Amino acid sequence: PKMSNDVDDWMARYENPQKLLVQAVRETILAADPRISETIKWSAPTFQYKGNLATFNPRAKAHVSLVFHKGGRIEGVFPALEGDGSEGRVMKVADRQDLSAKANELARIVRAWCDQRDRE
């Protein structure tokens, strides 16, 4: 996976009890599809491919919170995405075990986003 130096620098300064889990989620997303990249946007790591896919909520401390800006528009069934608005969705990851349970779905979300963006 191609990790951004800007995100590496952000992670080095990030102080949060979920820091190691944030890093694990980051690695899962970047490994899911070679088209996905990362940057710092809205003062937090953001994953992109032909638009913004998701951004970490850096203030979440009880779990990792990943905000999918247009998660409601991603084609497919993704039970781990919470929310019922027209666009935004959130995926919460409680711990390493929860990440293991959600990793395949998270990878499917990333690939679905990239495929959909290529068709648009």
PDB file of N, CA and C in Angstrom:
ATOM      1  N   PRO A   1       0.828  -1.208   0.000  1.00  0.00           N
ATOM      2  CA  PRO A   1       0.000   0.000   0.000  1.00  0.00           C
ATOM      3  C   PRO A   1       0.865   1.262   0.000  1.00  0.00           C
ATOM      4  N   LYS A   2       0.393   2.271  -0.704  1.00  0.00           N
ATOM      5  CA  LYS A   2       1.155   3.516  -0.767  1.00  0.00           C
ATOM      6  C   LYS A   2       0.690   4.467   0.333  1.00  0.00           C
ATOM      7  N   MET A   3       1.530   4.618   1.335  1.00  0.00           N
ATOM      8  CA  MET A   3       1.205   5.496   2.451  1.00  0.00           C
ATOM      9  C   MET A   3       1.785   6.877   2.188  1.00  0.00           C
ATOM     10  N   SER A   4       1.015   7.877   2.527  1.00  0.00           N
ATOM     11  CA  SER A   4       1.412   9.270   2.339  1.00  0.00           C
ATOM     12  C   SER A   4       2.294   9.731   3.498  1.00  0.00           C
ATOM     13  N   ASN A   5       3.363  10.468   3.149  1.00  0.00           N
ATOM     14  CA  ASN A   5       4.220  11.038   4.191  1.00  0.00           C
ATOM     15  C   ASN A   5       3.437  12.006   5.065  1.00  0.00           C
ATOM     16  N   ASP A   6       2.491  12.740   4.466  1.00  0.00           N
ATOM     17  CA  ASP A   6       1.673  13.682   5.239  1.00  0.00           C
ATOM     18  C   ASP A   6       0.847  12.942   6.294  1.00  0.00           C
ATOM     19  N   VAL A   7       0.295  11.795   5.909  1.00  0.00           N
ATOM     20  CA  VAL A   7      -0.498  11.017   6.869  1.00  0.00           C
ATOM     21  C   VAL A   7       0.423  10.364   7.894  1.00  0.00           C
ATOM     22  N   ASP A   8       1.592   9.910   7.469  1.00  0.00           N
ATOM     23  CA  ASP A   8       2.571   9.373   8.434  1.00  0.00           C
ATOM     24  C   ASP A   8       2.910  10.428   9.486  1.00  0.00           C
ATOM     25  N   ASP A   9       3.149  11.661   9.038  1.00  0.00           N
ATOM     26  CA  ASP A   9       3.468  12.753   9.965  1.00  0.00           C
ATOM     27  C   ASP A   9       2.298  13.038  10.898  1.00  0.00           C
ATOM     28  N   TRP A  10       1.082  13.034  10.354  1.00  0.00           N
ATOM     29  CA  TRP A  10      -0.120  13.248  11.173  1.00  0.00           C
ATOM     30  C   TRP A  10      -0.231  12.145  12.230  1.00  0.00           C
ATOM     31  N   MET A  11      -0.025  10.902  11.807  1.00  0.00           N
ATOM     32  CA  MET A  11      -0.116   9.771  12.744  1.00  0.00           C
ATOM     33  C   MET A  11       0.935   9.890  13.846  1.00  0.00           C
ATOM     34  N   ALA A  12       2.124  10.365  13.510  1.00  0.00           N
ATOM     35  CA  ALA A  12       3.196  10.502  14.508  1.00  0.00           C
ATOM     36  C   ALA A  12       2.803  11.494  15.601  1.00  0.00           C
ATOM     37  N   ARG A  13       2.009  12.505  15.236  1.00  0.00           N
ATOM     38  CA  ARG A  13       1.572  13.523  16.210  1.00  0.00           C
ATOM     39  C   ARG A  13       0.239  13.188  16.874  1.00  0.00           C
ATOM     40  N   TYR A  14      -0.470  12.226  16.346  1.00  0.00           N
ATOM     41  CA  TYR A  14      -1.830  11.901  16.807  1.00  0.00           C
ATOM     42  C   TYR A  14      -1.777  11.251  18.182  1.00  0.00           C
ATOM     43  N   GLU A  15      -2.470  11.846  19.119  1.00  0.00           N
ATOM     44  CA  GLU A  15      -2.548  11.291  20.474  1.00  0.00           C
ATOM     45  C   GLU A  15      -3.986  10.896  20.738  1.00  0.00           C
ATOM     46  N   ASN A  16      -4.219   9.585  20.794  1.00  0.00           N
ATOM     47  CA  ASN A  16      -5.569   9.062  20.958  1.00  0.00           C
ATOM     48  C   ASN A  16      -5.433   7.616  21.408  1.00  0.00           C
ATOM     49  N   PRO A  17      -6.292   7.168  22.324  1.00  0.00           N
ATOM     50  CA  PRO A  17      -6.204   5.770  22.764  1.00  0.00           C
ATOM     51  C   PRO A  17      -6.439   4.765  21.629  1.00  0.00           C
ATOM     52  N   GLN A  18      -7.027   5.211  20.531  1.00  0.00           N
ATOM     53  CA  GLN A  18      -7.314   4.315  19.395  1.00  0.00           C
ATOM     54  C   GLN A  18      -6.261   4.421  18.278  1.00  0.00           C
ATOM     55  N   LYS A  19      -5.134   5.056  18.564  1.00  0.00           N
ATOM     56  CA  LYS A  19      -4.128   5.300  17.526  1.00  0.00           C
ATOM     57  C   LYS A  19      -3.711   4.020  16.790  1.00  0.00           C
ATOM     58  N   LEU A  20      -3.416   2.953  17.503  1.00  0.00           N
ATOM     59  CA  LEU A  20      -2.986   1.717  16.846  1.00  0.00           C
ATOM     60  C   LEU A  20      -4.095   1.121  15.992  1.00  0.00           C
ATOM     61  N   LEU A  21      -5.339   1.249  16.452  1.00  0.00           N
ATOM     62  CA  LEU A  21      -6.472   0.749  15.674  1.00  0.00           C
ATOM     63  C   LEU A  21      -6.707   1.630  14.438  1.00  0.00           C
ATOM     64  N   VAL A  22      -6.550   2.926  14.568  1.00  0.00           N
ATOM     65  CA  VAL A  22      -6.644   3.818  13.414  1.00  0.00           C
ATOM     66  C   VAL A  22      -5.615   3.394  12.363  1.00  0.00           C
ATOM     67  N   GLN A  23      -4.401   3.111  12.802  1.00  0.00           N
ATOM     68  CA  GLN A  23      -3.348   2.675  11.877  1.00  0.00           C
ATOM     69  C   GLN A  23      -3.734   1.361  11.198  1.00  0.00           C
ATOM     70  N   ALA A  24      -4.309   0.439  11.936  1.00  0.00           N
ATOM     71  CA  ALA A  24      -4.722  -0.848  11.366  1.00  0.00           C
ATOM     72  C   ALA A  24      -5.844  -0.665  10.335  1.00  0.00           C
ATOM     73  N   VAL A  25      -6.794   0.212  10.620  1.00  0.00           N
ATOM     74  CA  VAL A  25      -7.872   0.500   9.665  1.00  0.00           C
ATOM     75  C   VAL A  25      -7.278   1.161   8.419  1.00  0.00           C
ATOM     76  N   ARG A  26      -6.368   2.080   8.626  1.00  0.00           N
ATOM     77  CA  ARG A  26      -5.674   2.744   7.508  1.00  0.00           C
ATOM     78  C   ARG A  26      -5.019   1.708   6.596  1.00  0.00           C
ATOM     79  N   GLU A  27      -4.288   0.791   7.183  1.00  0.00           N
ATOM     80  CA  GLU A  27      -3.601  -0.239   6.405  1.00  0.00           C
ATOM     81  C   GLU A  27      -4.596  -1.129   5.662  1.00  0.00           C
ATOM     82  N   THR A  28      -5.711  -1.445   6.291  1.00  0.00           N
ATOM     83  CA  THR A  28      -6.741  -2.270   5.659  1.00  0.00           C
ATOM     84  C   THR A  28      -7.305  -1.573   4.424  1.00  0.00           C
ATOM     85  N   ILE A  29      -7.589  -0.289   4.544  1.00  0.00           N
ATOM     86  CA  ILE A  29      -8.143   0.473   3.420  1.00  0.00           C
ATOM     87  C   ILE A  29      -7.139   0.560   2.278  1.00  0.00           C
ATOM     88  N   LEU A  30      -5.896   0.906   2.588  1.00  0.00           N
ATOM     89  CA  LEU A  30      -4.900   1.078   1.534  1.00  0.00           C
ATOM     90  C   LEU A  30      -4.569  -0.242   0.842  1.00  0.00           C
ATOM     91  N   ALA A  31      -4.679  -1.351   1.551  1.00  0.00           N
ATOM     92  CA  ALA A  31      -4.394  -2.657   0.961  1.00  0.00           C
ATOM     93  C   ALA A  31      -5.549  -3.171   0.109  1.00  0.00           C
ATOM     94  N   ALA A  32      -6.720  -2.576   0.248  1.00  0.00           N
ATOM     95  CA  ALA A  32      -7.925  -3.087  -0.422  1.00  0.00           C
ATOM     96  C   ALA A  32      -7.911  -2.899  -1.929  1.00  0.00           C
ATOM     97  N   ASP A  33      -7.309  -1.812  -2.403  1.00  0.00           N
ATOM     98  CA  ASP A  33      -7.332  -1.525  -3.834  1.00  0.00           C
ATOM     99  C   ASP A  33      -6.186  -0.567  -4.151  1.00  0.00           C
ATOM    100  N   PRO A  34      -5.397  -0.864  -5.189  1.00  0.00           N
ATOM    101  CA  PRO A  34      -4.264   0.010  -5.512  1.00  0.00           C
ATOM    102  C   PRO A  34      -4.670   1.401  -5.991  1.00  0.00           C
ATOM    103  N   ARG A  35      -5.941   1.575  -6.342  1.00  0.00           N
ATOM    104  CA  ARG A  35      -6.391   2.895  -6.812  1.00  0.00           C
ATOM    105  C   ARG A  35      -6.590   3.887  -5.674  1.00  0.00           C
ATOM    106  N   ILE A  36      -6.766   3.403  -4.460  1.00  0.00           N
ATOM    107  CA  ILE A  36      -7.083   4.291  -3.336  1.00  0.00           C
ATOM    108  C   ILE A  36      -5.807   4.989  -2.864  1.00  0.00           C
ATOM    109  N   SER A  37      -5.944   6.250  -2.493  1.00  0.00           N
ATOM    110  CA  SER A  37      -4.811   6.999  -1.943  1.00  0.00           C
ATOM    111  C   SER A  37      -5.282   7.725  -0.691  1.00  0.00           C
ATOM    112  N   GLU A  38      -4.341   8.363  -0.020  1.00  0.00           N
ATOM    113  CA  GLU A  38      -4.678   9.068   1.217  1.00  0.00           C
ATOM    114  C   GLU A  38      -4.018  10.429   1.234  1.00  0.00           C
ATOM    115  N   THR A  39      -4.643  11.318   1.978  1.00  0.00           N
ATOM    116  CA  THR A  39      -4.125  12.663   2.162  1.00  0.00           C
ATOM    117  C   THR A  39      -4.653  13.182   3.494  1.00  0.00           C
ATOM    118  N   ILE A  40      -4.233  14.379   3.860  1.00  0.00           N
ATOM    119  CA  ILE A  40      -4.827  15.042   5.018  1.00  0.00           C
ATOM    120  C   ILE A  40      -5.809  16.079   4.492  1.00  0.00           C
ATOM    121  N   LYS A  41      -7.045  15.941   4.918  1.00  0.00           N
ATOM    122  CA  LYS A  41      -8.095  16.879   4.536  1.00  0.00           C
ATOM    123  C   LYS A  41      -9.009  17.020   5.745  1.00  0.00           C
ATOM    124  N   TRP A  42      -9.492  18.199   6.002  1.00  0.00           N
ATOM    125  CA  TRP A  42     -10.313  18.462   7.188  1.00  0.00           C
ATOM    126  C   TRP A  42      -9.545  18.062   8.465  1.00  0.00           C
ATOM    127  N   SER A  43      -8.231  18.276   8.442  1.00  0.00           N
ATOM    128  CA  SER A  43      -7.349  18.003   9.591  1.00  0.00           C
ATOM    129  C   SER A  43      -7.340  16.539  10.019  1.00  0.00           C
ATOM    130  N   ALA A  44      -7.563  15.633   9.080  1.00  0.00           N
ATOM    131  CA  ALA A  44      -7.578  14.206   9.399  1.00  0.00           C
ATOM    132  C   ALA A  44      -7.247  13.391   8.143  1.00  0.00           C
ATOM    133  N   PRO A  45      -6.768  12.157   8.317  1.00  0.00           N
ATOM    134  CA  PRO A  45      -6.529  11.298   7.155  1.00  0.00           C
ATOM    135  C   PRO A  45      -7.822  11.060   6.380  1.00  0.00           C
ATOM    136  N   THR A  46      -7.711  11.249   5.060  1.00  0.00           N
ATOM    137  CA  THR A  46      -8.841  11.086   4.155  1.00  0.00           C
ATOM    138  C   THR A  46      -8.411  10.183   3.007  1.00  0.00           C
ATOM    139  N   PHE A  47      -9.273   9.250   2.652  1.00  0.00           N
ATOM    140  CA  PHE A  47      -8.995   8.298   1.579  1.00  0.00           C
ATOM    141  C   PHE A  47      -9.734   8.744   0.333  1.00  0.00           C
ATOM    142  N   GLN A  48      -9.035   8.670  -0.825  1.00  0.00           N
ATOM    143  CA  GLN A  48      -9.572   9.246  -2.043  1.00  0.00           C
ATOM    144  C   GLN A  48      -9.356   8.347  -3.248  1.00  0.00           C
ATOM    145  N   TYR A  49     -10.287   8.431  -4.155  1.00  0.00           N
ATOM    146  CA  TYR A  49     -10.121   7.961  -5.523  1.00  0.00           C
ATOM    147  C   TYR A  49     -11.186   8.676  -6.344  1.00  0.00           C
ATOM    148  N   LYS A  50     -10.745   9.567  -7.196  1.00  0.00           N
ATOM    149  CA  LYS A  50     -11.673  10.370  -8.001  1.00  0.00           C
ATOM    150  C   LYS A  50     -12.757  10.988  -7.114  1.00  0.00           C
ATOM    151  N   GLY A  51     -12.334  11.508  -5.985  1.00  0.00           N
ATOM    152  CA  GLY A  51     -13.231  12.096  -4.989  1.00  0.00           C
ATOM    153  C   GLY A  51     -12.924  11.506  -3.624  1.00  0.00           C
ATOM    154  N   ASN A  52     -13.532  12.065  -2.620  1.00  0.00           N
ATOM    155  CA  ASN A  52     -13.277  11.641  -1.236  1.00  0.00           C
ATOM    156  C   ASN A  52     -14.158  10.448  -0.876  1.00  0.00           C
ATOM    157  N   LEU A  53     -13.518   9.385  -0.414  1.00  0.00           N
ATOM    158  CA  LEU A  53     -14.265   8.199   0.021  1.00  0.00           C
ATOM    159  C   LEU A  53     -14.623   8.297   1.495  1.00  0.00           C
ATOM    160  N   ALA A  54     -13.606   8.488   2.353  1.00  0.00           N
ATOM    161  CA  ALA A  54     -13.847   8.448   3.804  1.00  0.00           C
ATOM    162  C   ALA A  54     -12.768   9.230   4.540  1.00  0.00           C
ATOM    163  N   THR A  55     -13.146   9.730   5.718  1.00  0.00           N
ATOM    164  CA  THR A  55     -12.236  10.478   6.583  1.00  0.00           C
ATOM    165  C   THR A  55     -12.380   9.955   8.004  1.00  0.00           C
ATOM    166  N   PHE A  56     -11.253   9.791   8.687  1.00  0.00           N
ATOM    167  CA  PHE A  56     -11.318   9.442  10.106  1.00  0.00           C
ATOM    168  C   PHE A  56     -11.858  10.621  10.896  1.00  0.00           C
ATOM    169  N   ASN A  57     -12.685  10.343  11.906  1.00  0.00           N
ATOM    170  CA  ASN A  57     -13.057  11.363  12.882  1.00  0.00           C
ATOM    171  C   ASN A  57     -11.995  11.270  13.973  1.00  0.00           C
ATOM    172  N   PRO A  58     -11.047  12.212  14.007  1.00  0.00           N
ATOM    173  CA  PRO A  58      -9.919  12.085  14.933  1.00  0.00           C
ATOM    174  C   PRO A  58     -10.285  12.277  16.396  1.00  0.00           C
ATOM    175  N   ARG A  59     -11.491  12.779  16.671  1.00  0.00           N
ATOM    176  CA  ARG A  59     -11.883  13.032  18.065  1.00  0.00           C
ATOM    177  C   ARG A  59     -12.496  11.813  18.739  1.00  0.00           C
ATOM    178  N   ALA A  60     -12.890  10.814  17.964  1.00  0.00           N
ATOM    179  CA  ALA A  60     -13.506   9.614  18.542  1.00  0.00           C
ATOM    180  C   ALA A  60     -12.464   8.885  19.388  1.00  0.00           C
ATOM    181  N   LYS A  61     -12.847   8.570  20.619  1.00  0.00           N
ATOM    182  CA  LYS A  61     -11.907   7.898  21.527  1.00  0.00           C
ATOM    183  C   LYS A  61     -12.395   6.525  21.976  1.00  0.00           C
ATOM    184  N   ALA A  62     -13.682   6.276  21.942  1.00  0.00           N
ATOM    185  CA  ALA A  62     -14.230   4.988  22.381  1.00  0.00           C
ATOM    186  C   ALA A  62     -14.099   3.929  21.297  1.00  0.00           C
ATOM    187  N   HIS A  63     -13.919   4.365  20.055  1.00  0.00           N
ATOM    188  CA  HIS A  63     -13.813   3.464  18.907  1.00  0.00           C
ATOM    189  C   HIS A  63     -13.197   4.277  17.766  1.00  0.00           C
ATOM    190  N   VAL A  64     -12.874   3.616  16.665  1.00  0.00           N
ATOM    191  CA  VAL A  64     -12.459   4.320  15.458  1.00  0.00           C
ATOM    192  C   VAL A  64     -13.724   4.643  14.679  1.00  0.00           C
ATOM    193  N   SER A  65     -13.844   5.878  14.251  1.00  0.00           N
ATOM    194  CA  SER A  65     -15.003   6.329  13.495  1.00  0.00           C
ATOM    195  C   SER A  65     -14.530   6.792  12.126  1.00  0.00           C
ATOM    196  N   LEU A  66     -15.049   6.137  11.101  1.00  0.00           N
ATOM    197  CA  LEU A  66     -14.680   6.440   9.726  1.00  0.00           C
ATOM    198  C   LEU A  66     -15.925   6.964   9.019  1.00  0.00           C
ATOM    199  N   VAL A  67     -15.857   8.223   8.565  1.00  0.00           N
ATOM    200  CA  VAL A  67     -17.002   8.878   7.936  1.00  0.00           C
ATOM    201  C   VAL A  67     -16.901   8.691   6.419  1.00  0.00           C
ATOM    202  N   PHE A  68     -17.880   8.002   5.848  1.00  0.00           N
ATOM    203  CA  PHE A  68     -17.966   7.819   4.400  1.00  0.00           C
ATOM    204  C   PHE A  68     -18.874   8.912   3.853  1.00  0.00           C
ATOM    205  N   HIS A  69     -18.281   9.869   3.159  1.00  0.00           N
ATOM    206  CA  HIS A  69     -18.982  11.080   2.742  1.00  0.00           C
ATOM    207  C   HIS A  69     -20.204  10.787   1.873  1.00  0.00           C
ATOM    208  N   LYS A  70     -20.074   9.829   0.978  1.00  0.00           N
ATOM    209  CA  LYS A  70     -21.181   9.455   0.096  1.00  0.00           C
ATOM    210  C   LYS A  70     -21.463   7.962   0.249  1.00  0.00           C
ATOM    211  N   GLY A  71     -21.326   7.474   1.464  1.00  0.00           N
ATOM    212  CA  GLY A  71     -21.504   6.046   1.733  1.00  0.00           C
ATOM    213  C   GLY A  71     -22.865   5.512   1.341  1.00  0.00           C
ATOM    214  N   GLY A  72     -23.880   6.352   1.404  1.00  0.00           N
ATOM    215  CA  GLY A  72     -25.219   5.936   1.017  1.00  0.00           C
ATOM    216  C   GLY A  72     -25.376   5.746  -0.477  1.00  0.00           C
ATOM    217  N   ARG A  73     -24.416   6.231  -1.241  1.00  0.00           N
ATOM    218  CA  ARG A  73     -24.473   6.113  -2.702  1.00  0.00           C
ATOM    219  C   ARG A  73     -23.607   4.975  -3.240  1.00  0.00           C
ATOM    220  N   ILE A  74     -22.816   4.358  -2.378  1.00  0.00           N
ATOM    221  CA  ILE A  74     -21.954   3.270  -2.848  1.00  0.00           C
ATOM    222  C   ILE A  74     -22.831   2.055  -3.136  1.00  0.00           C
ATOM    223  N   GLU A  75     -22.671   1.512  -4.342  1.00  0.00           N
ATOM    224  CA  GLU A  75     -23.499   0.390  -4.772  1.00  0.00           C
ATOM    225  C   GLU A  75     -23.098  -0.879  -4.032  1.00  0.00           C
ATOM    226  N   GLY A  76     -24.085  -1.539  -3.445  1.00  0.00           N
ATOM    227  CA  GLY A  76     -23.836  -2.773  -2.720  1.00  0.00           C
ATOM    228  C   GLY A  76     -24.515  -2.738  -1.367  1.00  0.00           C
ATOM    229  N   VAL A  77     -24.434  -3.865  -0.683  1.00  0.00           N
ATOM    230  CA  VAL A  77     -25.019  -3.991   0.656  1.00  0.00           C
ATOM    231  C   VAL A  77     -23.873  -4.043   1.651  1.00  0.00           C
ATOM    232  N   PHE A  78     -23.849  -3.063   2.547  1.00  0.00           N
ATOM    233  CA  PHE A  78     -22.774  -2.948   3.517  1.00  0.00           C
ATOM    234  C   PHE A  78     -23.358  -2.718   4.909  1.00  0.00           C
ATOM    235  N   PRO A  79     -23.649  -3.791   5.633  1.00  0.00           N
ATOM    236  CA  PRO A  79     -24.313  -3.677   6.937  1.00  0.00           C
ATOM    237  C   PRO A  79     -23.527  -2.892   7.990  1.00  0.00           C
ATOM    238  N   ALA A  80     -22.203  -2.806   7.851  1.00  0.00           N
ATOM    239  CA  ALA A  80     -21.409  -2.104   8.864  1.00  0.00           C
ATOM    240  C   ALA A  80     -21.484  -0.587   8.715  1.00  0.00           C
ATOM    241  N   LEU A  81     -22.032  -0.104   7.597  1.00  0.00           N
ATOM    242  CA  LEU A  81     -22.187   1.341   7.424  1.00  0.00           C
ATOM    243  C   LEU A  81     -23.465   1.787   8.118  1.00  0.00           C
ATOM    244  N   GLU A  82     -23.304   2.679   9.080  1.00  0.00           N
ATOM    245  CA  GLU A  82     -24.437   3.170   9.866  1.00  0.00           C
ATOM    246  C   GLU A  82     -24.931   4.498   9.308  1.00  0.00           C
ATOM    247  N   GLY A  83     -26.232   4.711   9.411  1.00  0.00           N
ATOM    248  CA  GLY A  83     -26.830   5.967   8.992  1.00  0.00           C
ATOM    249  C   GLY A  83     -27.877   5.720   7.934  1.00  0.00           C
ATOM    250  N   ASP A  84     -28.791   6.666   7.813  1.00  0.00           N
ATOM    251  CA  ASP A  84     -29.864   6.489   6.835  1.00  0.00           C
ATOM    252  C   ASP A  84     -30.159   7.766   6.060  1.00  0.00           C
ATOM    253  N   GLY A  85     -29.221   8.696   6.079  1.00  0.00           N
ATOM    254  CA  GLY A  85     -29.390   9.912   5.294  1.00  0.00           C
ATOM    255  C   GLY A  85     -29.199   9.612   3.817  1.00  0.00           C
ATOM    256  N   SER A  86     -29.328  10.623   2.978  1.00  0.00           N
ATOM    257  CA  SER A  86     -29.224  10.411   1.535  1.00  0.00           C
ATOM    258  C   SER A  86     -27.794  10.117   1.106  1.00  0.00           C
ATOM    259  N   GLU A  87     -26.794  10.513   1.888  1.00  0.00           N
ATOM    260  CA  GLU A  87     -25.418  10.325   1.457  1.00  0.00           C
ATOM    261  C   GLU A  87     -24.503   9.735   2.515  1.00  0.00           C
ATOM    262  N   GLY A  88     -24.261  10.440   3.608  1.00  0.00           N
ATOM    263  CA  GLY A  88     -23.233  10.055   4.562  1.00  0.00           C
ATOM    264  C   GLY A  88     -23.525   8.778   5.338  1.00  0.00           C
ATOM    265  N   ARG A  89     -22.456   8.057   5.635  1.00  0.00           N
ATOM    266  CA  ARG A  89     -22.523   6.857   6.471  1.00  0.00           C
ATOM    267  C   ARG A  89     -21.290   6.845   7.370  1.00  0.00           C
ATOM    268  N   VAL A  90     -21.361   6.088   8.449  1.00  0.00           N
ATOM    269  CA  VAL A  90     -20.249   5.960   9.383  1.00  0.00           C
ATOM    270  C   VAL A  90     -20.003   4.478   9.646  1.00  0.00           C
ATOM    271  N   MET A  91     -18.724   4.115   9.701  1.00  0.00           N
ATOM    272  CA  MET A  91     -18.354   2.775  10.156  1.00  0.00           C
ATOM    273  C   MET A  91     -17.577   2.953  11.451  1.00  0.00           C
ATOM    274  N   LYS A  92     -18.028   2.261  12.490  1.00  0.00           N
ATOM    275  CA  LYS A  92     -17.345   2.299  13.771  1.00  0.00           C
ATOM    276  C   LYS A  92     -16.634   0.967  13.970  1.00  0.00           C
ATOM    277  N   VAL A  93     -15.394   1.052  14.435  1.00  0.00           N
ATOM    278  CA  VAL A  93     -14.603  -0.144  14.704  1.00  0.00           C
ATOM    279  C   VAL A  93     -14.185  -0.079  16.165  1.00  0.00           C
ATOM    280  N   ALA A  94     -14.630  -1.050  16.946  1.00  0.00           N
ATOM    281  CA  ALA A  94     -14.439  -1.022  18.394  1.00  0.00           C
ATOM    282  C   ALA A  94     -13.045  -1.459  18.824  1.00  0.00           C
ATOM    283  N   ASP A  95     -12.498  -2.480  18.155  1.00  0.00           N
ATOM    284  CA  ASP A  95     -11.213  -3.039  18.565  1.00  0.00           C
ATOM    285  C   ASP A  95     -10.681  -3.921  17.442  1.00  0.00           C
ATOM    286  N   ARG A  96      -9.535  -4.570  17.674  1.00  0.00           N
ATOM    287  CA  ARG A  96      -8.919  -5.415  16.632  1.00  0.00           C
ATOM    288  C   ARG A  96      -9.847  -6.550  16.195  1.00  0.00           C
ATOM    289  N   GLN A  97     -10.553  -7.130  17.140  1.00  0.00           N
ATOM    290  CA  GLN A  97     -11.468  -8.223  16.812  1.00  0.00           C
ATOM    291  C   GLN A  97     -12.589  -7.714  15.903  1.00  0.00           C
ATOM    292  N   ASP A  98     -13.111  -6.533  16.201  1.00  0.00           N
ATOM    293  CA  ASP A  98     -14.156  -5.932  15.378  1.00  0.00           C
ATOM    294  C   ASP A  98     -13.608  -5.614  13.983  1.00  0.00           C
ATOM    295  N   LEU A  99     -12.370  -5.131  13.910  1.00  0.00           N
ATOM    296  CA  LEU A  99     -11.763  -4.868  12.605  1.00  0.00           C
ATOM    297  C   LEU A  99     -11.638  -6.164  11.809  1.00  0.00           C
ATOM    298  N   SER A 100     -11.228  -7.234  12.463  1.00  0.00           N
ATOM    299  CA  SER A 100     -11.138  -8.529  11.776  1.00  0.00           C
ATOM    300  C   SER A 100     -12.491  -8.932  11.203  1.00  0.00           C
ATOM    301  N   ALA A 101     -13.545  -8.691  11.975  1.00  0.00           N
ATOM    302  CA  ALA A 101     -14.894  -9.044  11.527  1.00  0.00           C
ATOM    303  C   ALA A 101     -15.363  -8.168  10.367  1.00  0.00           C
ATOM    304  N   LYS A 102     -14.876  -6.926  10.306  1.00  0.00           N
ATOM    305  CA  LYS A 102     -15.349  -5.969   9.291  1.00  0.00           C
ATOM    306  C   LYS A 102     -14.371  -5.764   8.137  1.00  0.00           C
ATOM    307  N   ALA A 103     -13.188  -6.366   8.194  1.00  0.00           N
ATOM    308  CA  ALA A 103     -12.136  -6.086   7.203  1.00  0.00           C
ATOM    309  C   ALA A 103     -12.565  -6.436   5.784  1.00  0.00           C
ATOM    310  N   ASN A 104     -13.208  -7.581   5.593  1.00  0.00           N
ATOM    311  CA  ASN A 104     -13.637  -7.962   4.242  1.00  0.00           C
ATOM    312  C   ASN A 104     -14.669  -6.987   3.705  1.00  0.00           C
ATOM    313  N   GLU A 105     -15.612  -6.598   4.551  1.00  0.00           N
ATOM    314  CA  GLU A 105     -16.622  -5.630   4.113  1.00  0.00           C
ATOM    315  C   GLU A 105     -15.980  -4.281   3.792  1.00  0.00           C
ATOM    316  N   LEU A 106     -15.037  -3.861   4.616  1.00  0.00           N
ATOM    317  CA  LEU A 106     -14.351  -2.594   4.374  1.00  0.00           C
ATOM    318  C   LEU A 106     -13.617  -2.642   3.035  1.00  0.00           C
ATOM    319  N   ALA A 107     -12.962  -3.738   2.742  1.00  0.00           N
ATOM    320  CA  ALA A 107     -12.269  -3.886   1.457  1.00  0.00           C
ATOM    321  C   ALA A 107     -13.272  -3.874   0.297  1.00  0.00           C
ATOM    322  N   ARG A 108     -14.415  -4.520   0.476  1.00  0.00           N
ATOM    323  CA  ARG A 108     -15.452  -4.514  -0.568  1.00  0.00           C
ATOM    324  C   ARG A 108     -15.976  -3.099  -0.813  1.00  0.00           C
ATOM    325  N   ILE A 109     -16.119  -2.313   0.254  1.00  0.00           N
ATOM    326  CA  ILE A 109     -16.571  -0.928   0.119  1.00  0.00           C
ATOM    327  C   ILE A 109     -15.566  -0.132  -0.714  1.00  0.00           C
ATOM    328  N   VAL A 110     -14.292  -0.286  -0.403  1.00  0.00           N
ATOM    329  CA  VAL A 110     -13.246   0.441  -1.131  1.00  0.00           C
ATOM    330  C   VAL A 110     -13.273   0.065  -2.608  1.00  0.00           C
ATOM    331  N   ARG A 111     -13.334  -1.222  -2.904  1.00  0.00           N
ATOM    332  CA  ARG A 111     -13.347  -1.667  -4.311  1.00  0.00           C
ATOM    333  C   ARG A 111     -14.620  -1.204  -5.024  1.00  0.00           C
ATOM    334  N   ALA A 112     -15.764  -1.269  -4.339  1.00  0.00           N
ATOM    335  CA  ALA A 112     -17.025  -0.822  -4.945  1.00  0.00           C
ATOM    336  C   ALA A 112     -16.946   0.668  -5.273  1.00  0.00           C
ATOM    337  N   TRP A 113     -16.381   1.456  -4.359  1.00  0.00           N
ATOM    338  CA  TRP A 113     -16.233   2.893  -4.593  1.00  0.00           C
ATOM    339  C   TRP A 113     -15.359   3.138  -5.826  1.00  0.00           C
ATOM    340  N   CYS A 114     -14.210   2.490  -5.885  1.00  0.00           N
ATOM    341  CA  CYS A 114     -13.289   2.698  -7.006  1.00  0.00           C
ATOM    342  C   CYS A 114     -13.927   2.272  -8.325  1.00  0.00           C
ATOM    343  N   ASP A 115     -14.575   1.113  -8.336  1.00  0.00           N
ATOM    344  CA  ASP A 115     -15.236   0.635  -9.555  1.00  0.00           C
ATOM    345  C   ASP A 115     -16.327   1.604  -9.996  1.00  0.00           C
ATOM    346  N   GLN A 116     -17.114   2.055  -9.043  1.00  0.00           N
ATOM    347  CA  GLN A 116     -18.206   2.985  -9.350  1.00  0.00           C
ATOM    348  C   GLN A 116     -17.665   4.297  -9.906  1.00  0.00           C
ATOM    349  N   ARG A 117     -16.596   4.797  -9.298  1.00  0.00           N
ATOM    350  CA  ARG A 117     -16.015   6.058  -9.765  1.00  0.00           C
ATOM    351  C   ARG A 117     -15.450   5.904 -11.173  1.00  0.00           C
ATOM    352  N   ASP A 118     -14.926   4.728 -11.510  1.00  0.00           N
ATOM    353  CA  ASP A 118     -14.414   4.493 -12.869  1.00  0.00           C
ATOM    354  C   ASP A 118     -15.539   4.485 -13.897  1.00  0.00           C
ATOM    355  N   ARG A 119     -16.732   4.095 -13.495  1.00  0.00           N
ATOM    356  CA  ARG A 119     -17.874   4.049 -14.421  1.00  0.00           C
ATOM    357  C   ARG A 119     -18.547   5.405 -14.606  1.00  0.00           C
ATOM    358  N   GLU A 120     -18.338   6.309 -13.673  1.00  0.00           N
ATOM    359  CA  GLU A 120     -19.034   7.609 -13.720  1.00  0.00           C
ATOM    360  C   GLU A 120     -18.350   8.578 -14.674  1.00  0.00           C
TER     361      GLU A 120
END
